[in-house]
Amino acid sequence: MSFLLRRKKKHSSEHVVTLVGKPGCHLCDEARAVVRTVCAEAGATWEEKDINKDEELHRAYWEQIPVVLIDGEQHTFWKVDADRLRRALGVPAV
């Protein structure tokens, strides 16, 4: 395999997790709690973006919120599974 095709595996602390949601969304509140906990365990950075304040996010994800992105790539939507997020960040499941 070409060295250009190989990806260097990131350490969990090098990932950025983005939660896309909106105020008043109970699923977003649940997702936030999972993302906060798992990112703390992993040492990963996380951020939250309000879908109402970003037209591009609104167009892309309006019917799927909450949406979790890892390093800008969609990981999941609606319901966030903590173990799946841990695996994606390279953290052993608890």
Protein backbone atom coordinates (compact mmCIF):
# COMPACT_ATOMS: atom_id res chain seq x y z
CA MET A 1 0.00 0.00 0.00
CA SER A 2 1.30 3.43 -0.85
CA PHE A 3 2.44 5.55 2.06
CA LEU A 4 0.16 8.27 0.70
CA LEU A 5 -2.89 6.09 1.35
CA ARG A 6 -1.94 5.18 4.90
CA ARG A 7 -3.40 7.38 7.57
CA LYS A 8 -1.57 7.98 10.75
CA LYS A 9 -3.87 6.99 13.57
CA LYS A 10 -4.67 9.97 15.75
CA HIS A 11 -4.31 9.88 19.48
CA SER A 12 -7.69 10.47 21.16
CA SER A 13 -6.56 13.87 22.44
CA GLU A 14 -5.93 15.03 18.87
CA HIS A 15 -9.58 14.66 17.82
CA VAL A 16 -12.10 17.49 17.79
CA VAL A 17 -15.70 16.48 18.41
CA THR A 18 -18.43 18.87 17.31
CA LEU A 19 -22.00 18.66 18.55
CA VAL A 20 -24.45 20.35 16.19
CA GLY A 21 -27.77 21.13 17.83
CA LYS A 22 -30.09 23.89 18.94
CA PRO A 23 -31.35 25.35 22.20
CA GLY A 24 -34.41 23.68 23.69
CA CYS A 25 -33.75 20.32 22.03
CA HIS A 26 -34.00 17.49 24.58
CA LEU A 27 -32.09 15.08 22.33
CA CYS A 28 -29.33 17.70 22.08
CA ASP A 29 -29.22 17.91 25.88
CA GLU A 30 -28.82 14.13 26.10
CA ALA A 31 -26.16 14.13 23.36
CA ARG A 32 -24.26 16.95 25.09
CA ALA A 33 -24.02 14.92 28.29
CA VAL A 34 -22.62 11.89 26.42
CA VAL A 35 -20.18 13.95 24.35
CA ARG A 36 -18.97 15.87 27.41
CA THR A 37 -18.36 12.65 29.39
CA VAL A 38 -16.66 10.69 26.60
CA CYS A 39 -14.47 13.61 25.51
CA ALA A 40 -13.36 14.12 29.13
CA GLU A 41 -12.40 10.44 29.32
CA ALA A 42 -10.56 10.63 25.99
CA GLY A 43 -8.93 13.99 26.54
CA ALA A 44 -10.49 15.10 23.27
CA THR A 45 -11.57 18.65 22.55
CA TRP A 46 -15.24 19.23 21.91
CA GLU A 47 -17.30 22.19 20.76
CA GLU A 48 -20.95 22.92 20.23
CA LYS A 49 -22.48 24.72 17.27
CA ASP A 50 -26.00 26.14 17.10
CA ILE A 51 -27.62 25.02 13.86
CA ASN A 52 -29.79 28.16 13.90
CA LYS A 53 -26.69 30.38 13.57
CA ASP A 54 -24.98 28.62 10.67
CA GLU A 55 -26.77 28.37 7.32
CA GLU A 56 -24.45 25.65 5.99
CA LEU A 57 -24.99 23.43 9.04
CA HIS A 58 -28.71 24.14 8.87
CA ARG A 59 -28.91 23.00 5.24
CA ALA A 60 -26.82 19.89 5.87
CA TYR A 61 -28.21 18.64 9.18
CA TRP A 62 -31.55 20.25 10.05
CA GLU A 63 -33.53 16.99 10.04
CA GLN A 64 -30.84 15.04 11.89
CA ILE A 65 -30.00 17.07 15.01
CA PRO A 66 -28.29 16.44 17.22
CA VAL A 67 -25.38 15.55 14.97
CA VAL A 68 -21.92 14.58 16.16
CA LEU A 69 -18.92 15.24 13.94
CA ILE A 70 -15.43 13.94 14.59
CA ASP A 71 -12.75 16.03 12.92
CA GLY A 72 -15.42 17.48 10.64
CA GLU A 73 -16.81 14.12 9.50
CA GLN A 74 -20.29 12.97 10.53
CA HIS A 75 -20.13 10.28 13.18
CA THR A 76 -23.77 9.94 14.24
CA PHE A 77 -27.08 11.74 14.66
CA TRP A 78 -30.19 11.70 16.87
CA LYS A 79 -28.96 9.31 19.57
CA VAL A 80 -25.30 9.26 20.65
CA ASP A 81 -23.97 5.88 21.76
CA ALA A 82 -21.18 6.42 24.29
CA ASP A 83 -19.35 3.17 23.51
CA ARG A 84 -19.42 3.83 19.77
CA LEU A 85 -18.06 7.33 20.33
CA ARG A 86 -15.34 5.94 22.60
CA ARG A 87 -14.30 3.45 19.91
CA ALA A 88 -14.19 6.19 17.28
CA LEU A 89 -11.93 8.23 19.56
CA GLY A 90 -9.72 5.23 20.28
CA VAL A 91 -10.78 4.88 23.93
CA PRO A 92 -11.60 1.46 25.38
CA ALA A 93 -15.27 1.02 26.33
CA VAL A 94 -16.04 1.07 30.02
